[in-house]
C-alpha atoms as a PDB file:
ATOM      1  CA  MET A   1     140.270 119.870  98.590  1.00  0.00           C
ATOM      2  CA  TYR A   2     137.336 118.355 100.442  1.00  0.00           C
ATOM      3  CA  ASN A   3     137.054 114.614 100.956  1.00  0.00           C
ATOM      4  CA  PHE A   4     133.831 114.415  98.952  1.00  0.00           C
ATOM      5  CA  GLN A   5     135.631 115.879  95.903  1.00  0.00           C
ATOM      6  CA  ARG A   6     137.649 112.672  95.657  1.00  0.00           C
ATOM      7  CA  LEU A   7     134.569 110.497  95.173  1.00  0.00           C
ATOM      8  CA  GLU A   8     134.696 108.595  91.895  1.00  0.00           C
ATOM      9  CA  LYS A   9     131.076 109.241  90.918  1.00  0.00           C
ATOM     10  CA  LEU A  10     131.068 112.979  91.672  1.00  0.00           C
ATOM     11  CA  ALA A  11     129.940 115.302  88.846  1.00  0.00           C
ATOM     12  CA  ASP A  12     130.520 119.029  89.389  1.00  0.00           C
ATOM     13  CA  LEU A  13     127.447 120.910  88.126  1.00  0.00           C
ATOM     14  CA  ARG A  14     128.031 124.174  89.973  1.00  0.00           C
ATOM     15  CA  GLY A  15     126.929 127.022  87.740  1.00  0.00           C
ATOM     16  CA  LYS A  16     125.699 124.642  85.023  1.00  0.00           C
ATOM     17  CA  THR A  17     121.972 124.518  85.827  1.00  0.00           C
ATOM     18  CA  VAL A  18     119.393 127.294  85.490  1.00  0.00           C
ATOM     19  CA  SER A  19     119.483 129.981  88.188  1.00  0.00           C
ATOM     20  CA  ASN A  20     118.082 133.405  88.972  1.00  0.00           C
ATOM     21  CA  GLY A  21     120.263 135.301  91.375  1.00  0.00           C
ATOM     22  CA  LYS A  22     122.426 133.694  94.036  1.00  0.00           C
ATOM     23  CA  TYR A  23     121.974 131.917  97.338  1.00  0.00           C
ATOM     24  CA  THR A  24     123.888 133.432 100.268  1.00  0.00           C
ATOM     25  CA  ASP A  25     127.087 131.643 101.264  1.00  0.00           C
ATOM     26  CA  TYR A  26     127.537 131.588 105.053  1.00  0.00           C
ATOM     27  CA  GLY A  27     130.658 129.437 104.922  1.00  0.00           C
ATOM     28  CA  VAL A  28     131.175 125.784 105.666  1.00  0.00           C
ATOM     29  CA  ASP A  29     131.372 126.478 109.412  1.00  0.00           C
ATOM     30  CA  SER A  30     127.642 127.306 109.372  1.00  0.00           C
ATOM     31  CA  LYS A  31     126.713 123.712 108.527  1.00  0.00           C
ATOM     32  CA  THR A  32     125.889 121.347 111.374  1.00  0.00           C
ATOM     33  CA  ASP A  33     123.328 119.081 109.670  1.00  0.00           C
ATOM     34  CA  ILE A  34     123.119 116.750 106.693  1.00  0.00           C
ATOM     35  CA  THR A  35     119.502 116.480 105.504  1.00  0.00           C
ATOM     36  CA  VAL A  36     118.332 113.515 103.409  1.00  0.00           C
ATOM     37  CA  HIS A  37     115.535 113.895 100.860  1.00  0.00           C
ATOM     38  CA  HIS A  38     113.948 111.941  98.034  1.00  0.00           C
ATOM     39  CA  SER A  39     112.677 113.678  94.926  1.00  0.00           C
ATOM     40  CA  LEU A  40     109.175 112.112  95.029  1.00  0.00           C
ATOM     41  CA  THR A  41     109.567 111.577  91.278  1.00  0.00           C
ATOM     42  CA  LYS A  42     110.322 108.398  89.352  1.00  0.00           C
ATOM     43  CA  SER A  43     113.038 110.156  87.362  1.00  0.00           C
ATOM     44  CA  GLY A  44     114.860 113.476  87.168  1.00  0.00           C
ATOM     45  CA  ASP A  45     118.198 115.142  87.800  1.00  0.00           C
ATOM     46  CA  SER A  46     119.615 118.443  89.034  1.00  0.00           C
ATOM     47  CA  SER A  47     118.820 120.201  85.766  1.00  0.00           C
ATOM     48  CA  ALA A  48     115.138 119.178  85.884  1.00  0.00           C
ATOM     49  CA  PHE A  49     114.807 120.091  89.544  1.00  0.00           C
ATOM     50  CA  ALA A  50     116.515 123.462  88.955  1.00  0.00           C
ATOM     51  CA  ASN A  51     114.052 124.278  86.182  1.00  0.00           C
ATOM     52  CA  TYR A  52     111.154 123.645  88.523  1.00  0.00           C
ATOM     53  CA  HIS A  53     112.659 125.381  91.565  1.00  0.00           C
ATOM     54  CA  VAL A  54     113.600 128.505  89.603  1.00  0.00           C
ATOM     55  CA  ASN A  55     110.823 128.802  87.026  1.00  0.00           C
ATOM     56  CA  GLN A  56     107.899 127.545  89.131  1.00  0.00           C
ATOM     57  CA  LEU A  57     108.839 128.387  92.707  1.00  0.00           C
ATOM     58  CA  GLY A  58     110.931 131.485  92.035  1.00  0.00           C
ATOM     59  CA  TRP A  59     113.994 130.266  93.939  1.00  0.00           C
ATOM     60  CA  HIS A  60     117.568 131.253  93.097  1.00  0.00           C
ATOM     61  CA  GLY A  61     118.578 127.777  91.967  1.00  0.00           C
ATOM     62  CA  VAL A  62     118.182 124.059  92.550  1.00  0.00           C
ATOM     63  CA  ALA A  63     117.328 123.305  96.180  1.00  0.00           C
ATOM     64  CA  TYR A  64     119.857 120.581  96.945  1.00  0.00           C
ATOM     65  CA  HIS A  65     123.613 120.723  97.422  1.00  0.00           C
ATOM     66  CA  PHE A  66     123.819 117.165  96.067  1.00  0.00           C
ATOM     67  CA  VAL A  67     121.509 115.007  93.937  1.00  0.00           C
ATOM     68  CA  ILE A  68     122.180 111.258  93.683  1.00  0.00           C
ATOM     69  CA  LEU A  69     120.932 109.686  90.450  1.00  0.00           C
ATOM     70  CA  LYS A  70     119.745 106.102  90.139  1.00  0.00           C
ATOM     71  CA  ASP A  71     123.069 105.004  88.629  1.00  0.00           C
ATOM     72  CA  GLY A  72     124.879 106.395  91.684  1.00  0.00           C
ATOM     73  CA  THR A  73     126.144 109.594  90.059  1.00  0.00           C
ATOM     74  CA  ILE A  74     126.517 112.344  92.682  1.00  0.00           C
ATOM     75  CA  GLU A  75     125.652 115.721  91.168  1.00  0.00           C
ATOM     76  CA  TRP A  76     127.310 118.562  93.085  1.00  0.00           C
ATOM     77  CA  ASN A  77     125.282 121.767  92.780  1.00  0.00           C
ATOM     78  CA  HIS A  78     126.427 124.184  95.495  1.00  0.00           C
ATOM     79  CA  ASN A  79     129.377 125.019  97.686  1.00  0.00           C
ATOM     80  CA  LEU A  80     128.840 123.562 101.133  1.00  0.00           C
ATOM     81  CA  GLY A  81     128.265 126.919 102.840  1.00  0.00           C
ATOM     82  CA  LEU A  82     125.369 128.046 100.622  1.00  0.00           C
ATOM     83  CA  ARG A  83     121.965 128.531 102.197  1.00  0.00           C
ATOM     84  CA  SER A  84     119.828 126.848  99.528  1.00  0.00           C
ATOM     85  CA  TYR A  85     116.110 126.227 100.036  1.00  0.00           C
ATOM     86  CA  HIS A  86     115.310 122.662 101.067  1.00  0.00           C
ATOM     87  CA  VAL A  87     114.355 122.524 104.751  1.00  0.00           C
ATOM     88  CA  GLY A  88     112.807 125.876 105.724  1.00  0.00           C
ATOM     89  CA  ASP A  89     114.113 127.488 108.892  1.00  0.00           C
ATOM     90  CA  TRP A  90     117.049 125.066 108.964  1.00  0.00           C
ATOM     91  CA  ASN A  91     118.460 125.947 105.543  1.00  0.00           C
ATOM     92  CA  THR A  92     121.399 127.884 106.967  1.00  0.00           C
ATOM     93  CA  GLN A  93     122.666 124.931 108.987  1.00  0.00           C
ATOM     94  CA  ALA A  94     121.777 122.044 106.656  1.00  0.00           C
ATOM     95  CA  VAL A  95     123.453 120.510 103.613  1.00  0.00           C
ATOM     96  CA  GLY A  96     120.742 118.994 101.400  1.00  0.00           C
ATOM     97  CA  VAL A  97     121.231 115.584  99.779  1.00  0.00           C
ATOM     98  CA  CYS A  98     118.438 114.319  97.508  1.00  0.00           C
ATOM     99  CA  LEU A  99     118.105 110.821  96.035  1.00  0.00           C
ATOM    100  CA  VAL A 100     116.082 110.596  92.826  1.00  0.00           C
ATOM    101  CA  GLY A 101     113.028 108.367  93.303  1.00  0.00           C
ATOM    102  CA  ASP A 102     109.663 108.029  94.976  1.00  0.00           C
ATOM    103  CA  PHE A 103     110.481 105.832  97.935  1.00  0.00           C
ATOM    104  CA  ARG A 104     106.916 105.554  99.105  1.00  0.00           C
ATOM    105  CA  THR A 105     106.537 102.806  96.526  1.00  0.00           C
ATOM    106  CA  GLU A 106     110.035 101.930  95.276  1.00  0.00           C
ATOM    107  CA  GLU A 107     113.451 101.139  96.667  1.00  0.00           C
ATOM    108  CA  PRO A 108     116.601 103.253  96.229  1.00  0.00           C
ATOM    109  CA  THR A 109     119.016 101.449  93.930  1.00  0.00           C
ATOM    110  CA  LYS A 110     122.058  99.799  95.432  1.00  0.00           C
ATOM    111  CA  ALA A 111     124.197 102.281  93.496  1.00  0.00           C
ATOM    112  CA  GLN A 112     122.338 105.164  95.162  1.00  0.00           C
ATOM    113  CA  LYS A 113     122.779 103.641  98.594  1.00  0.00           C
ATOM    114  CA  GLU A 114     126.492 103.104  98.048  1.00  0.00           C
ATOM    115  CA  SER A 115     126.925 106.698  96.860  1.00  0.00           C
ATOM    116  CA  LEU A 116     124.920 108.056  99.804  1.00  0.00           C
ATOM    117  CA  LYS A 117     127.096 106.084 102.216  1.00  0.00           C
ATOM    118  CA  GLN A 118     130.307 107.352 100.589  1.00  0.00           C
ATOM    119  CA  LEU A 119     129.108 110.954 100.344  1.00  0.00           C
ATOM    120  CA  HIS A 120     127.882 110.952 103.930  1.00  0.00           C
ATOM    121  CA  ASP A 121     131.170 109.560 105.252  1.00  0.00           C
ATOM    122  CA  ALA A 122     133.052 112.285 103.386  1.00  0.00           C
ATOM    123  CA  LEU A 123     130.757 115.125 104.484  1.00  0.00           C
ATOM    124  CA  VAL A 124     131.014 114.139 108.144  1.00  0.00           C
ATOM    125  CA  LYS A 125     134.768 114.711 107.790  1.00  0.00           C
ATOM    126  CA  ASP A 126     134.406 117.870 105.698  1.00  0.00           C
ATOM    127  CA  LEU A 127     131.962 119.747 107.930  1.00  0.00           C
ATOM    128  CA  PRO A 128     133.987 121.032 110.905  1.00  0.00           C
ATOM    129  CA  ASN A 129     130.861 121.632 113.014  1.00  0.00           C
ATOM    130  CA  TYR A 130     128.872 118.570 111.956  1.00  0.00           C
ATOM    131  CA  LYS A 131     126.388 117.366 114.584  1.00  0.00           C
ATOM    132  CA  VAL A 132     123.556 115.324 113.077  1.00  0.00           C
ATOM    133  CA  THR A 133     122.009 113.694 110.003  1.00  0.00           C
ATOM    134  CA  LYS A 134     118.223 113.823 109.651  1.00  0.00           C
ATOM    135  CA  GLY A 135     115.506 113.008 107.180  1.00  0.00           C
ATOM    136  CA  HIS A 136     113.412 115.932 105.933  1.00  0.00           C
ATOM    137  CA  ASN A 137     110.408 114.862 108.015  1.00  0.00           C
ATOM    138  CA  GLU A 138     112.443 114.739 111.225  1.00  0.00           C
ATOM    139  CA  TYR A 139     112.569 118.521 111.455  1.00  0.00           C
ATOM    140  CA  PRO A 140     109.898 120.429 113.411  1.00  0.00           C
ATOM    141  CA  ASP A 141     107.000 121.548 111.185  1.00  0.00           C
ATOM    142  CA  TYR A 142     107.906 118.919 108.580  1.00  0.00           C
ATOM    143  CA  THR A 143     106.600 115.761 110.241  1.00  0.00           C
ATOM    144  CA  TRP A 144     103.801 115.703 107.644  1.00  0.00           C
ATOM    145  CA  LYS A 145     106.320 115.408 104.823  1.00  0.00           C
ATOM    146  CA  ALA A 146     106.516 112.013 103.115  1.00  0.00           C
ATOM    147  CA  CYS A 147     110.272 112.412 102.833  1.00  0.00           C
ATOM    148  CA  PRO A 148     112.655 110.611 102.580  1.00  0.00           C
ATOM    149  CA  GLU A 149     110.583 107.435 103.121  1.00  0.00           C
ATOM    150  CA  PHE A 150     113.485 104.979 103.266  1.00  0.00           C
ATOM    151  CA  ASP A 151     115.744 103.837 106.070  1.00  0.00           C
ATOM    152  CA  TYR A 152     118.642 106.195 105.409  1.00  0.00           C
ATOM    153  CA  LYS A 153     120.069 105.462 108.869  1.00  0.00           C
ATOM    154  CA  LYS A 154     120.596 101.848 107.883  1.00  0.00           C
ATOM    155  CA  VAL A 155     122.298 102.960 104.666  1.00  0.00           C
ATOM    156  CA  ILE A 156     124.737 105.423 106.240  1.00  0.00           C
ATOM    157  CA  SER A 157     125.609 102.800 108.852  1.00  0.00           C
ATOM    158  CA  GLY A 158     126.844 100.584 105.993  1.00  0.00           C
ATOM    159  CA  ASP A 159     123.883  98.331 105.174  1.00  0.00           C
ATOM    160  CA  VAL A 160     123.295  98.890 101.459  1.00  0.00           C
ATOM    161  CA  ASP A 161     121.897  95.442 100.664  1.00  0.00           C
ATOM    162  CA  SER A 162     118.744  95.034 102.748  1.00  0.00           C
ATOM    163  CA  LYS A 163     115.371  96.404 101.721  1.00  0.00           C
ATOM    164  CA  SER A 164     114.276  99.647 103.312  1.00  0.00           C
ATOM    165  CA  SER A 165     111.448 100.919 101.123  1.00  0.00           C
ATOM    166  CA  TYR A 166     108.262 102.484 102.419  1.00  0.00           C
ATOM    167  CA  LYS A 167     105.543 100.177 103.754  1.00  0.00           C
ATOM    168  CA  TYR A 168     102.034 100.936 104.861  1.00  0.00           C
ATOM    169  CA  ASP A 169     101.879 102.372 108.355  1.00  0.00           C
ATOM    170  CA  PRO A 170      98.373 102.708 109.836  1.00  0.00           C
ATOM    171  CA  ASN A 171      99.647 105.555 111.983  1.00  0.00           C
ATOM    172  CA  LYS A 172     100.313 107.501 108.778  1.00  0.00           C
ATOM    173  CA  GLY A 173      96.872 107.079 107.322  1.00  0.00           C
ATOM    174  CA  ILE A 174      95.603 105.659 104.061  1.00  0.00           C
ATOM    175  CA  GLY A 175      97.947 107.361 101.609  1.00  0.00           C
ATOM    176  CA  THR A 176      99.504 110.652 100.561  1.00  0.00           C
ATOM    177  CA  LEU A 177      98.363 113.582  98.462  1.00  0.00           C
ATOM    178  CA  ARG A 178     100.211 116.112  96.346  1.00  0.00           C
ATOM    179  CA  VAL A 179      98.702 119.576  95.845  1.00  0.00           C
ATOM    180  CA  LYS A 180      98.183 120.268  92.126  1.00  0.00           C
ATOM    181  CA  VAL A 181      97.074 123.923  92.252  1.00  0.00           C
ATOM    182  CA  PRO A 182      98.942 127.095  93.335  1.00  0.00           C
ATOM    183  CA  ALA A 183      96.906 127.384  96.546  1.00  0.00           C
ATOM    184  CA  LEU A 184      94.446 125.034  98.249  1.00  0.00           C
ATOM    185  CA  ASN A 185      92.186 125.890 101.194  1.00  0.00           C
ATOM    186  CA  VAL A 186      92.498 123.907 104.418  1.00  0.00           C
ATOM    187  CA  ARG A 187      89.203 123.750 106.326  1.00  0.00           C
ATOM    188  CA  ASP A 188      88.482 123.004 109.986  1.00  0.00           C
ATOM    189  CA  GLU A 189      85.723 120.425 109.346  1.00  0.00           C
ATOM    190  CA  ALA A 190      84.751 117.850 106.713  1.00  0.00           C
ATOM    191  CA  SER A 191      82.509 120.388 105.018  1.00  0.00           C
ATOM    192  CA  PHE A 192      83.015 122.879 102.215  1.00  0.00           C
ATOM    193  CA  ASN A 193      81.030 125.367 104.306  1.00  0.00           C
ATOM    194  CA  SER A 194      83.446 125.208 107.242  1.00  0.00           C
ATOM    195  CA  ASN A 195      86.061 127.801 108.163  1.00  0.00           C
ATOM    196  CA  VAL A 196      89.292 128.142 106.184  1.00  0.00           C
ATOM    197  CA  LEU A 197      92.292 127.670 108.471  1.00  0.00           C
ATOM    198  CA  LYS A 198      95.042 128.376 105.947  1.00  0.00           C
ATOM    199  CA  THR A 199      96.141 127.550 102.402  1.00  0.00           C
ATOM    200  CA  ILE A 200      98.763 125.050 101.271  1.00  0.00           C
ATOM    201  CA  LYS A 201     100.819 125.395  98.124  1.00  0.00           C
ATOM    202  CA  GLU A 202     101.417 123.466  94.928  1.00  0.00           C
ATOM    203  CA  ASN A 203     103.468 120.257  95.188  1.00  0.00           C
ATOM    204  CA  ASP A 204     103.250 120.062  98.975  1.00  0.00           C
ATOM    205  CA  ILE A 205     102.878 116.436 100.082  1.00  0.00           C
ATOM    206  CA  TYR A 206     100.631 115.415 102.992  1.00  0.00           C
ATOM    207  CA  TYR A 207      99.561 112.188 104.627  1.00  0.00           C
ATOM    208  CA  VAL A 208      95.859 111.421 104.228  1.00  0.00           C
ATOM    209  CA  TYR A 209      94.128 109.831 107.213  1.00  0.00           C
ATOM    210  CA  LYS A 210      90.573 109.434 105.918  1.00  0.00           C
ATOM    211  CA  GLU A 211      88.057 110.684 103.349  1.00  0.00           C
ATOM    212  CA  GLU A 212      84.671 112.154 104.218  1.00  0.00           C
ATOM    213  CA  ASN A 213      82.130 114.266 102.313  1.00  0.00           C
ATOM    214  CA  GLY A 214      84.482 114.750  99.392  1.00  0.00           C
ATOM    215  CA  LEU A 215      87.357 115.978 101.561  1.00  0.00           C
ATOM    216  CA  TYR A 216      90.591 114.406 102.806  1.00  0.00           C
ATOM    217  CA  ASN A 217      91.714 114.681 106.414  1.00  0.00           C
ATOM    218  CA  ILE A 218      95.425 115.593 106.520  1.00  0.00           C
ATOM    219  CA  GLY A 219      95.757 115.481 110.297  1.00  0.00           C
ATOM    220  CA  GLY A 220      93.840 116.832 113.283  1.00  0.00           C
ATOM    221  CA  ASP A 221      91.025 119.155 112.219  1.00  0.00           C
ATOM    222  CA  ALA A 222      92.573 119.923 108.823  1.00  0.00           C
ATOM    223  CA  TRP A 223      90.565 118.992 105.709  1.00  0.00           C
ATOM    224  CA  VAL A 224      91.157 119.658 102.012  1.00  0.00           C
ATOM    225  CA  SER A 225      89.207 118.934  98.849  1.00  0.00           C
ATOM    226  CA  ALA A 226      89.547 115.380  97.509  1.00  0.00           C
ATOM    227  CA  ASN A 227      88.781 116.537  93.963  1.00  0.00           C
ATOM    228  CA  SER A 228      91.374 115.110  91.574  1.00  0.00           C
ATOM    229  CA  LYS A 229      91.554 118.497  89.843  1.00  0.00           C
ATOM    230  CA  TYR A 230      93.165 119.917  92.965  1.00  0.00           C
ATOM    231  CA  VAL A 231      95.108 117.018  94.494  1.00  0.00           C
ATOM    232  CA  GLY A 232      96.744 113.812  93.391  1.00  0.00           C
ATOM    233  CA  PHE A 233      96.175 110.902  95.778  1.00  0.00           C
ATOM    234  CA  THR A 234      98.479 107.895  96.157  1.00  0.00           C
ATOM    235  CA  PRO A 235      97.146 105.093  98.380  1.00  0.00           C
ATOM    236  CA  HIS A 236      99.557 103.250 100.603  1.00  0.00           C
ATOM    237  CA  PRO A 237     100.527  99.787  99.337  1.00  0.00           C
ATOM    238  CA  LYS A 238      98.381  97.154 100.981  1.00  0.00           C
ATOM    239  CA  GLN A 239     100.083  94.852 103.410  1.00  0.00           C
ATOM    240  CA  GLU A 240      99.651  91.194 102.722  1.00  0.00           C
ATOM    241  CA  LYS A 241      98.080  89.474 105.681  1.00  0.00           C
ATOM    242  CA  GLU A 242     100.147  86.740 107.182  1.00  0.00           C
ATOM    243  CA  PRO A 243      98.373  83.395 106.876  1.00  0.00           C
ATOM    244  CA  GLU A 244      96.737  82.280 110.085  1.00  0.00           C
ATOM    245  CA  PRO A 245      98.394  79.242 111.593  1.00  0.00           C
ATOM    246  CA  GLU A 246      96.461  76.032 111.136  1.00  0.00           C
ATOM    247  CA  PRO A 247      94.891  74.803 114.368  1.00  0.00           C
ATOM    248  CA  LYS A 248      96.889  72.060 115.973  1.00  0.00           C
ATOM    249  CA  GLU A 249      95.217  68.748 116.458  1.00  0.00           C
ATOM    250  CA  GLU A 250      94.728  67.864 120.072  1.00  0.00           C
ATOM    251  CA  GLU A 251      96.894  65.038 121.200  1.00  0.00           C
ATOM    252  CA  LYS A 252      94.741  61.988 121.896  1.00  0.00           C
ATOM    253  CA  THR A 253      95.167  59.865 124.989  1.00  0.00           C
ATOM    254  CA  TYR A 254      94.226  56.214 124.874  1.00  0.00           C
ATOM    255  CA  TYR A 255      93.241  53.912 127.765  1.00  0.00           C
ATOM    256  CA  ARG A 256      93.240  50.139 128.006  1.00  0.00           C
ATOM    257  CA  LEU A 257      90.107  48.366 129.260  1.00  0.00           C
ATOM    258  CA  GLU A 258      90.733  45.026 131.023  1.00  0.00           C
ATOM    259  CA  THR A 259      87.640  42.978 131.696  1.00  0.00           C
ATOM    260  CA  GLY A 260      89.091  40.078 133.645  1.00  0.00           C
ATOM    261  CA  VAL A 261      90.752  36.669 133.416  1.00  0.00           C
ATOM    262  CA  PHE A 262      88.936  33.662 131.946  1.00  0.00           C
ATOM    263  CA  GLY A 263      89.523  29.959 132.420  1.00  0.00           C
ATOM    264  CA  SER A 264      89.927  29.232 128.716  1.00  0.00           C
ATOM    265  CA  LYS A 265      90.718  31.061 125.514  1.00  0.00           C
ATOM    266  CA  GLU A 266      87.362  30.031 124.041  1.00  0.00           C
ATOM    267  CA  VAL A 267      85.390  31.720 126.844  1.00  0.00           C
ATOM    268  CA  ALA A 268      87.557  34.836 126.577  1.00  0.00           C
ATOM    269  CA  GLU A 269      86.889  35.007 122.819  1.00  0.00           C
ATOM    270  CA  GLN A 270      83.127  34.654 123.423  1.00  0.00           C
ATOM    271  CA  GLU A 271      83.170  37.598 125.874  1.00  0.00           C
ATOM    272  CA  ALA A 272      85.346  39.665 123.519  1.00  0.00           C
ATOM    273  CA  GLN A 273      82.933  39.053 120.640  1.00  0.00           C
ATOM    274  CA  LYS A 274      80.031  40.277 122.750  1.00  0.00           C
ATOM    275  CA  LEU A 275      81.876  43.577 123.384  1.00  0.00           C
ATOM    276  CA  ARG A 276      82.677  43.925 119.678  1.00  0.00           C
ATOM    277  CA  ASN A 277      79.092  43.348 118.679  1.00  0.00           C
ATOM    278  CA  GLU A 278      77.504  45.549 121.339  1.00  0.00           C
ATOM    279  CA  ASN A 279      79.918  48.526 121.258  1.00  0.00           C
ATOM    280  CA  GLY A 280      81.899  48.328 118.011  1.00  0.00           C
ATOM    281  CA  TRP A 281      85.093  48.129 120.016  1.00  0.00           C
ATOM    282  CA  THR A 282      88.370  46.585 118.970  1.00  0.00           C
ATOM    283  CA  VAL A 283      88.925  43.848 121.504  1.00  0.00           C
ATOM    284  CA  ARG A 284      91.922  41.558 121.595  1.00  0.00           C
ATOM    285  CA  VAL A 285      92.438  38.451 123.683  1.00  0.00           C
ATOM    286  CA  LYS A 286      95.873  37.992 125.176  1.00  0.00           C
ATOM    287  CA  LYS A 287      97.383  35.346 127.387  1.00  0.00           C
ATOM    288  CA  ALA A 288      97.391  36.460 131.021  1.00  0.00           C
END
């Protein structure tokens, strides 16, 4: 028995969600990576994701080995050695763990964080050739992916209480887009008359860096239509500006003016009154 099978919130769903054929099982020794994802949906579970992956994308089954629901339930979908489809060229070596949620704009629940921490600790022990844990967008060719969009490293290190949700990053543009059509042309300029570089597929997520002439820039010289029929755009949350500190008042320095010594208090008062009248000063007479 694997360590993860002893987890209290584990639910074994192997063979219980829709499938079409079988993924290849290369054995647990083939796995060196644990890959963290988020579903980019506000809700869902393994059954819903399997329906989409099989019926819409034509895959053999649900993409992820594990799906963590918002209540912390850990749905177990595949044997560890299966090469399911979740991180492209690295599928053979990676175990996929997906947390339900869109962490561009929301926070994983504490229950999800606790389950991720427990599952990760167990998998590190269960994978004999384990080397690394990565987020989806930390793999080559996936840096454009808005996934997993929360600080999973903090969570697996044991910090499940602090906030780690996505915040606006000017280096990642003005928002993200999701492709809504089966194929969308990517052009080399901000013009519908420019050359087509390639096509991107339905439900791909890209960062958007700017909008021009009815097209979104998704990095470099790559532009796609900004028409809402073809893409769904989510702007980054705006950062609240920190209030500017109030200017400090300059410290004032005062100086005493001594005009001399007089033979009587009456004469001194007469001279003081002249200064008050002529200059508006505050003048006091003191005994020398």
